[in-house]
């Protein structure tokens, strides 16, 4: 999980990004990585409550990504 917080004067934004990498094999037997990600953002006065809620929802978000089925990639 990646958390980034930026400030712009008195305002700011925050986002979390969760990445899941999966190895696939292409038609020519070459191996490649698929990146599957989830992002959630908050802006201005909602940043602090967003981070406070994250403390309780972090494990659930991570478990959802761990168990999520990565969509099939066709090249």
PDB file of N, CA and C in Angstrom:
ATOM      1  N   UNK A   1       0.855  -1.161   0.000  1.00  0.00           N
ATOM      2  CA  UNK A   1       0.000   0.000   0.000  1.00  0.00           C
ATOM      3  C   UNK A   1       0.901   1.224   0.000  1.00  0.00           C
ATOM      4  N   UNK A   2       0.542   2.179  -0.803  1.00  0.00           N
ATOM      5  CA  UNK A   2       1.293   3.409  -0.955  1.00  0.00           C
ATOM      6  C   UNK A   2       0.385   4.562  -0.555  1.00  0.00           C
ATOM      7  N   UNK A   3       0.837   5.439   0.329  1.00  0.00           N
ATOM      8  CA  UNK A   3       0.056   6.601   0.760  1.00  0.00           C
ATOM      9  C   UNK A   3       0.846   7.849   0.423  1.00  0.00           C
ATOM     10  N   UNK A   4       0.194   8.794  -0.234  1.00  0.00           N
ATOM     11  CA  UNK A   4       0.849  10.045  -0.592  1.00  0.00           C
ATOM     12  C   UNK A   4      -0.035  11.206  -0.167  1.00  0.00           C
ATOM     13  N   UNK A   5       0.555  12.160   0.523  1.00  0.00           N
ATOM     14  CA  UNK A   5      -0.183  13.337   0.970  1.00  0.00           C
ATOM     15  C   UNK A   5       0.543  14.575   0.473  1.00  0.00           C
ATOM     16  N   UNK A   6      -0.188  15.499  -0.153  1.00  0.00           N
ATOM     17  CA  UNK A   6       0.388  16.729  -0.678  1.00  0.00           C
ATOM     18  C   UNK A   6      -0.382  17.919  -0.149  1.00  0.00           C
ATOM     19  N   UNK A   7       0.329  19.009   0.084  1.00  0.00           N
ATOM     20  CA  UNK A   7      -0.308  20.227   0.566  1.00  0.00           C
ATOM     21  C   UNK A   7      -0.149  21.334  -0.467  1.00  0.00           C
ATOM     22  N   UNK A   8      -1.190  22.133  -0.621  1.00  0.00           N
ATOM     23  CA  UNK A   8      -1.196  23.288  -1.502  1.00  0.00           C
ATOM     24  C   UNK A   8      -1.743  24.455  -0.690  1.00  0.00           C
ATOM     25  N   UNK A   9      -0.850  25.234  -0.067  1.00  0.00           N
ATOM     26  CA  UNK A   9      -1.307  26.281   0.840  1.00  0.00           C
ATOM     27  C   UNK A   9      -1.957  25.629   2.045  1.00  0.00           C
ATOM     28  N   UNK A  10      -3.183  25.989   2.323  1.00  0.00           N
ATOM     29  CA  UNK A  10      -3.904  25.390   3.451  1.00  0.00           C
ATOM     30  C   UNK A  10      -4.737  24.194   3.024  1.00  0.00           C
ATOM     31  N   UNK A  11      -4.775  23.947   1.743  1.00  0.00           N
ATOM     32  CA  UNK A  11      -5.548  22.825   1.209  1.00  0.00           C
ATOM     33  C   UNK A  11      -4.590  21.690   0.873  1.00  0.00           C
ATOM     34  N   UNK A  12      -5.122  20.529   0.674  1.00  0.00           N
ATOM     35  CA  UNK A  12      -4.267  19.406   0.327  1.00  0.00           C
ATOM     36  C   UNK A  12      -5.064  18.257  -0.248  1.00  0.00           C
ATOM     37  N   UNK A  13      -4.348  17.197  -0.529  1.00  0.00           N
ATOM     38  CA  UNK A  13      -4.990  15.981  -1.018  1.00  0.00           C
ATOM     39  C   UNK A  13      -4.194  14.785  -0.523  1.00  0.00           C
ATOM     40  N   UNK A  14      -4.860  13.665  -0.496  1.00  0.00           N
ATOM     41  CA  UNK A  14      -4.240  12.432  -0.047  1.00  0.00           C
ATOM     42  C   UNK A  14      -4.784  11.298  -0.900  1.00  0.00           C
ATOM     43  N   UNK A  15      -3.936  10.353  -1.200  1.00  0.00           N
ATOM     44  CA  UNK A  15      -4.416   9.181  -1.935  1.00  0.00           C
ATOM     45  C   UNK A  15      -3.694   7.943  -1.450  1.00  0.00           C
ATOM     46  N   UNK A  16      -4.388   6.841  -1.560  1.00  0.00           N
ATOM     47  CA  UNK A  16      -3.763   5.546  -1.302  1.00  0.00           C
ATOM     48  C   UNK A  16      -3.821   4.769  -2.602  1.00  0.00           C
ATOM     49  N   UNK A  17      -2.808   3.995  -2.823  1.00  0.00           N
ATOM     50  CA  UNK A  17      -2.770   3.136  -4.002  1.00  0.00           C
ATOM     51  C   UNK A  17      -2.295   1.765  -3.536  1.00  0.00           C
ATOM     52  N   UNK A  18      -3.017   0.740  -3.943  1.00  0.00           N
ATOM     53  CA  UNK A  18      -2.629  -0.638  -3.639  1.00  0.00           C
ATOM     54  C   UNK A  18      -2.345  -1.317  -4.979  1.00  0.00           C
ATOM     55  N   UNK A  19      -1.173  -1.914  -5.093  1.00  0.00           N
ATOM     56  CA  UNK A  19      -0.769  -2.587  -6.330  1.00  0.00           C
ATOM     57  C   UNK A  19      -0.773  -4.102  -6.141  1.00  0.00           C
ATOM     58  N   UNK A  20      -1.127  -4.784  -7.216  1.00  0.00           N
ATOM     59  CA  UNK A  20      -1.028  -6.242  -7.243  1.00  0.00           C
ATOM     60  C   UNK A  20      -0.386  -6.605  -8.580  1.00  0.00           C
ATOM     61  N   UNK A  21       0.700  -7.346  -8.513  1.00  0.00           N
ATOM     62  CA  UNK A  21       1.411  -7.762  -9.715  1.00  0.00           C
ATOM     63  C   UNK A  21       1.161  -9.237  -9.958  1.00  0.00           C
ATOM     64  N   UNK A  22       0.941  -9.589 -11.199  1.00  0.00           N
ATOM     65  CA  UNK A  22       0.735 -10.980 -11.573  1.00  0.00           C
ATOM     66  C   UNK A  22       1.586 -11.290 -12.802  1.00  0.00           C
ATOM     67  N   UNK A  23       2.287 -12.390 -12.756  1.00  0.00           N
ATOM     68  CA  UNK A  23       3.088 -12.794 -13.911  1.00  0.00           C
ATOM     69  C   UNK A  23       2.213 -13.553 -14.893  1.00  0.00           C
ATOM     70  N   UNK A  24       2.362 -13.227 -16.169  1.00  0.00           N
ATOM     71  CA  UNK A  24       1.639 -13.938 -17.224  1.00  0.00           C
ATOM     72  C   UNK A  24       2.638 -14.416 -18.268  1.00  0.00           C
ATOM     73  N   UNK A  25       2.168 -15.336 -19.099  1.00  0.00           N
ATOM     74  CA  UNK A  25       2.994 -15.807 -20.197  1.00  0.00           C
ATOM     75  C   UNK A  25       2.320 -15.414 -21.505  1.00  0.00           C
ATOM     76  N   UNK A  26       3.092 -14.766 -22.378  1.00  0.00           N
ATOM     77  CA  UNK A  26       2.565 -14.331 -23.670  1.00  0.00           C
ATOM     78  C   UNK A  26       2.579 -15.485 -24.669  1.00  0.00           C
ATOM     79  N   UNK A  27       1.980 -15.259 -25.829  1.00  0.00           N
ATOM     80  CA  UNK A  27       1.893 -16.322 -26.848  1.00  0.00           C
ATOM     81  C   UNK A  27       3.248 -16.870 -27.257  1.00  0.00           C
ATOM     82  N   UNK A  28       4.264 -16.007 -27.257  1.00  0.00           N
ATOM     83  CA  UNK A  28       5.599 -16.456 -27.662  1.00  0.00           C
ATOM     84  C   UNK A  28       6.400 -17.030 -26.490  1.00  0.00           C
ATOM     85  N   UNK A  29       5.699 -17.340 -25.400  1.00  0.00           N
ATOM     86  CA  UNK A  29       6.276 -17.932 -24.183  1.00  0.00           C
ATOM     87  C   UNK A  29       7.115 -16.934 -23.368  1.00  0.00           C
ATOM     88  N   UNK A  30       7.101 -15.670 -23.740  1.00  0.00           N
ATOM     89  CA  UNK A  30       7.780 -14.632 -22.967  1.00  0.00           C
ATOM     90  C   UNK A  30       6.956 -14.330 -21.728  1.00  0.00           C
ATOM     91  N   UNK A  31       7.632 -14.117 -20.624  1.00  0.00           N
ATOM     92  CA  UNK A  31       6.926 -13.776 -19.390  1.00  0.00           C
ATOM     93  C   UNK A  31       6.793 -12.257 -19.279  1.00  0.00           C
ATOM     94  N   UNK A  32       5.687 -11.814 -18.701  1.00  0.00           N
ATOM     95  CA  UNK A  32       5.423 -10.388 -18.526  1.00  0.00           C
ATOM     96  C   UNK A  32       4.692 -10.185 -17.206  1.00  0.00           C
ATOM     97  N   UNK A  33       4.654  -8.941 -16.737  1.00  0.00           N
ATOM     98  CA  UNK A  33       3.935  -8.601 -15.514  1.00  0.00           C
ATOM     99  C   UNK A  33       2.697  -7.786 -15.843  1.00  0.00           C
ATOM    100  N   UNK A  34       1.616  -8.091 -15.134  1.00  0.00           N
ATOM    101  CA  UNK A  34       0.392  -7.296 -15.210  1.00  0.00           C
ATOM    102  C   UNK A  34       0.276  -6.546 -13.893  1.00  0.00           C
ATOM    103  N   UNK A  35       0.022  -5.269 -13.976  1.00  0.00           N
ATOM    104  CA  UNK A  35      -0.164  -4.452 -12.784  1.00  0.00           C
ATOM    105  C   UNK A  35      -1.651  -4.149 -12.642  1.00  0.00           C
ATOM    106  N   UNK A  36      -2.205  -4.519 -11.500  1.00  0.00           N
ATOM    107  CA  UNK A  36      -3.609  -4.281 -11.164  1.00  0.00           C
ATOM    108  C   UNK A  36      -3.586  -3.359  -9.959  1.00  0.00           C
ATOM    109  N   UNK A  37      -4.323  -2.248 -10.006  1.00  0.00           N
ATOM    110  CA  UNK A  37      -4.228  -1.305  -8.894  1.00  0.00           C
ATOM    111  C   UNK A  37      -5.581  -0.773  -8.472  1.00  0.00           C
ATOM    112  N   UNK A  38      -5.625  -0.319  -7.229  1.00  0.00           N
ATOM    113  CA  UNK A  38      -6.807   0.302  -6.629  1.00  0.00           C
ATOM    114  C   UNK A  38      -6.341   1.623  -6.048  1.00  0.00           C
ATOM    115  N   UNK A  39      -7.104   2.687  -6.310  1.00  0.00           N
ATOM    116  CA  UNK A  39      -6.741   4.008  -5.822  1.00  0.00           C
ATOM    117  C   UNK A  39      -7.955   4.668  -5.187  1.00  0.00           C
ATOM    118  N   UNK A  40      -7.711   5.390  -4.108  1.00  0.00           N
ATOM    119  CA  UNK A  40      -8.766   6.131  -3.431  1.00  0.00           C
ATOM    120  C   UNK A  40      -8.169   7.473  -3.021  1.00  0.00           C
ATOM    121  N   UNK A  41      -8.925   8.564  -3.243  1.00  0.00           N
ATOM    122  CA  UNK A  41      -8.403   9.908  -2.986  1.00  0.00           C
ATOM    123  C   UNK A  41      -9.343  10.714  -2.109  1.00  0.00           C
ATOM    124  N   UNK A  42      -8.751  11.732  -1.483  1.00  0.00           N
ATOM    125  CA  UNK A  42      -9.510  12.674  -0.681  1.00  0.00           C
ATOM    126  C   UNK A  42      -8.883  14.049  -0.846  1.00  0.00           C
ATOM    127  N   UNK A  43      -9.716  15.100  -0.744  1.00  0.00           N
ATOM    128  CA  UNK A  43      -9.251  16.461  -0.982  1.00  0.00           C
ATOM    129  C   UNK A  43      -9.693  17.401   0.134  1.00  0.00           C
ATOM    130  N   UNK A  44      -8.892  18.453   0.345  1.00  0.00           N
ATOM    131  CA  UNK A  44      -9.261  19.539   1.242  1.00  0.00           C
ATOM    132  C   UNK A  44      -9.519  19.092   2.671  1.00  0.00           C
ATOM    133  N   UNK A  45     -10.669  19.522   3.204  1.00  0.00           N
ATOM    134  CA  UNK A  45     -11.014  19.224   4.595  1.00  0.00           C
ATOM    135  C   UNK A  45     -11.322  17.753   4.841  1.00  0.00           C
ATOM    136  N   UNK A  46     -11.463  16.962   3.790  1.00  0.00           N
ATOM    137  CA  UNK A  46     -11.778  15.541   3.944  1.00  0.00           C
ATOM    138  C   UNK A  46     -10.535  14.673   4.150  1.00  0.00           C
ATOM    139  N   UNK A  47      -9.338  15.271   4.036  1.00  0.00           N
ATOM    140  CA  UNK A  47      -8.103  14.485   4.130  1.00  0.00           C
ATOM    141  C   UNK A  47      -7.928  13.850   5.508  1.00  0.00           C
ATOM    142  N   UNK A  48      -8.064  14.632   6.566  1.00  0.00           N
ATOM    143  CA  UNK A  48      -7.847  14.089   7.915  1.00  0.00           C
ATOM    144  C   UNK A  48      -8.847  12.980   8.250  1.00  0.00           C
ATOM    145  N   UNK A  49     -10.173  13.176   8.021  1.00  0.00           N
ATOM    146  CA  UNK A  49     -11.099  12.061   8.272  1.00  0.00           C
ATOM    147  C   UNK A  49     -10.793  10.834   7.400  1.00  0.00           C
ATOM    148  N   UNK A  50     -10.349  11.073   6.178  1.00  0.00           N
ATOM    149  CA  UNK A  50      -9.973   9.986   5.263  1.00  0.00           C
ATOM    150  C   UNK A  50      -8.851   9.146   5.878  1.00  0.00           C
ATOM    151  N   UNK A  51      -7.828   9.812   6.395  1.00  0.00           N
ATOM    152  CA  UNK A  51      -6.706   9.096   7.006  1.00  0.00           C
ATOM    153  C   UNK A  51      -7.115   8.402   8.303  1.00  0.00           C
ATOM    154  N   UNK A  52      -7.998   9.022   9.066  1.00  0.00           N
ATOM    155  CA  UNK A  52      -8.477   8.391  10.304  1.00  0.00           C
ATOM    156  C   UNK A  52      -9.270   7.123   9.998  1.00  0.00           C
ATOM    157  N   UNK A  53     -10.107   7.147   8.960  1.00  0.00           N
ATOM    158  CA  UNK A  53     -10.868   5.950   8.559  1.00  0.00           C
ATOM    159  C   UNK A  53      -9.948   4.867   8.019  1.00  0.00           C
ATOM    160  N   UNK A  54      -8.875   5.290   7.363  1.00  0.00           N
ATOM    161  CA  UNK A  54      -7.952   4.333   6.756  1.00  0.00           C
ATOM    162  C   UNK A  54      -7.367   3.389   7.801  1.00  0.00           C
ATOM    163  N   UNK A  55      -7.164   3.899   8.993  1.00  0.00           N
ATOM    164  CA  UNK A  55      -6.629   3.066  10.079  1.00  0.00           C
ATOM    165  C   UNK A  55      -7.491   1.820  10.277  1.00  0.00           C
ATOM    166  N   UNK A  56      -8.818   1.977  10.170  1.00  0.00           N
ATOM    167  CA  UNK A  56      -9.733   0.851  10.378  1.00  0.00           C
ATOM    168  C   UNK A  56      -9.993   0.044   9.109  1.00  0.00           C
ATOM    169  N   UNK A  57      -9.871   0.675   7.946  1.00  0.00           N
ATOM    170  CA  UNK A  57     -10.227  -0.022   6.700  1.00  0.00           C
ATOM    171  C   UNK A  57      -9.022  -0.595   5.954  1.00  0.00           C
ATOM    172  N   UNK A  58      -7.823  -0.295   6.402  1.00  0.00           N
ATOM    173  CA  UNK A  58      -6.604  -0.704   5.699  1.00  0.00           C
ATOM    174  C   UNK A  58      -6.546  -2.207   5.447  1.00  0.00           C
ATOM    175  N   UNK A  59      -6.708  -3.008   6.483  1.00  0.00           N
ATOM    176  CA  UNK A  59      -6.610  -4.461   6.317  1.00  0.00           C
ATOM    177  C   UNK A  59      -7.671  -5.004   5.369  1.00  0.00           C
ATOM    178  N   UNK A  60      -8.882  -4.468   5.449  1.00  0.00           N
ATOM    179  CA  UNK A  60      -9.939  -4.907   4.542  1.00  0.00           C
ATOM    180  C   UNK A  60      -9.613  -4.586   3.095  1.00  0.00           C
ATOM    181  N   UNK A  61      -9.093  -3.385   2.847  1.00  0.00           N
ATOM    182  CA  UNK A  61      -8.713  -3.006   1.483  1.00  0.00           C
ATOM    183  C   UNK A  61      -7.599  -3.911   0.952  1.00  0.00           C
ATOM    184  N   UNK A  62      -6.614  -4.171   1.793  1.00  0.00           N
ATOM    185  CA  UNK A  62      -5.521  -5.060   1.372  1.00  0.00           C
ATOM    186  C   UNK A  62      -6.032  -6.472   1.090  1.00  0.00           C
ATOM    187  N   UNK A  63      -6.895  -7.000   1.946  1.00  0.00           N
ATOM    188  CA  UNK A  63      -7.439  -8.345   1.729  1.00  0.00           C
ATOM    189  C   UNK A  63      -8.273  -8.420   0.460  1.00  0.00           C
ATOM    190  N   UNK A  64      -9.034  -7.359   0.172  1.00  0.00           N
ATOM    191  CA  UNK A  64      -9.808  -7.343  -1.073  1.00  0.00           C
ATOM    192  C   UNK A  64      -8.887  -7.428  -2.283  1.00  0.00           C
ATOM    193  N   UNK A  65      -7.784  -6.693  -2.241  1.00  0.00           N
ATOM    194  CA  UNK A  65      -6.856  -6.728  -3.376  1.00  0.00           C
ATOM    195  C   UNK A  65      -6.144  -8.074  -3.457  1.00  0.00           C
ATOM    196  N   UNK A  66      -5.785  -8.635  -2.321  1.00  0.00           N
ATOM    197  CA  UNK A  66      -5.104  -9.935  -2.321  1.00  0.00           C
ATOM    198  C   UNK A  66      -5.986 -11.011  -2.934  1.00  0.00           C
ATOM    199  N   UNK A  67      -7.283 -10.989  -2.622  1.00  0.00           N
ATOM    200  CA  UNK A  67      -8.181 -12.032  -3.117  1.00  0.00           C
ATOM    201  C   UNK A  67      -8.840 -11.694  -4.455  1.00  0.00           C
ATOM    202  N   UNK A  68      -8.638 -10.461  -4.937  1.00  0.00           N
ATOM    203  CA  UNK A  68      -9.271 -10.055  -6.212  1.00  0.00           C
ATOM    204  C   UNK A  68      -8.691 -10.849  -7.373  1.00  0.00           C
ATOM    205  N   UNK A  69      -9.577 -11.211  -8.281  1.00  0.00           N
ATOM    206  CA  UNK A  69      -9.135 -11.907  -9.503  1.00  0.00           C
ATOM    207  C   UNK A  69      -8.688 -10.839 -10.499  1.00  0.00           C
ATOM    208  N   UNK A  70      -7.456 -10.957 -10.942  1.00  0.00           N
ATOM    209  CA  UNK A  70      -6.930 -10.000 -11.915  1.00  0.00           C
ATOM    210  C   UNK A  70      -7.584 -10.291 -13.269  1.00  0.00           C
ATOM    211  N   UNK A  71      -8.118  -9.261 -13.920  1.00  0.00           N
ATOM    212  CA  UNK A  71      -8.756  -9.483 -15.228  1.00  0.00           C
ATOM    213  C   UNK A  71      -7.775 -10.100 -16.225  1.00  0.00           C
ATOM    214  N   UNK A  72      -8.283 -10.948 -17.092  1.00  0.00           N
ATOM    215  CA  UNK A  72      -7.457 -11.605 -18.097  1.00  0.00           C
ATOM    216  C   UNK A  72      -6.983 -10.582 -19.114  1.00  0.00           C
ATOM    217  N   UNK A  73      -5.716 -10.677 -19.475  1.00  0.00           N
ATOM    218  CA  UNK A  73      -5.141  -9.787 -20.478  1.00  0.00           C
ATOM    219  C   UNK A  73      -4.957 -10.555 -21.769  1.00  0.00           C
ATOM    220  N   UNK A  74      -5.471  -9.990 -22.851  1.00  0.00           N
ATOM    221  CA  UNK A  74      -5.310 -10.616 -24.172  1.00  0.00           C
ATOM    222  C   UNK A  74      -4.553  -9.649 -25.056  1.00  0.00           C
ATOM    223  N   UNK A  75      -3.406 -10.094 -25.551  1.00  0.00           N
ATOM    224  CA  UNK A  75      -2.580  -9.270 -26.433  1.00  0.00           C
ATOM    225  C   UNK A  75      -2.557  -9.831 -27.830  1.00  0.00           C
TER     226      UNK A  75
END
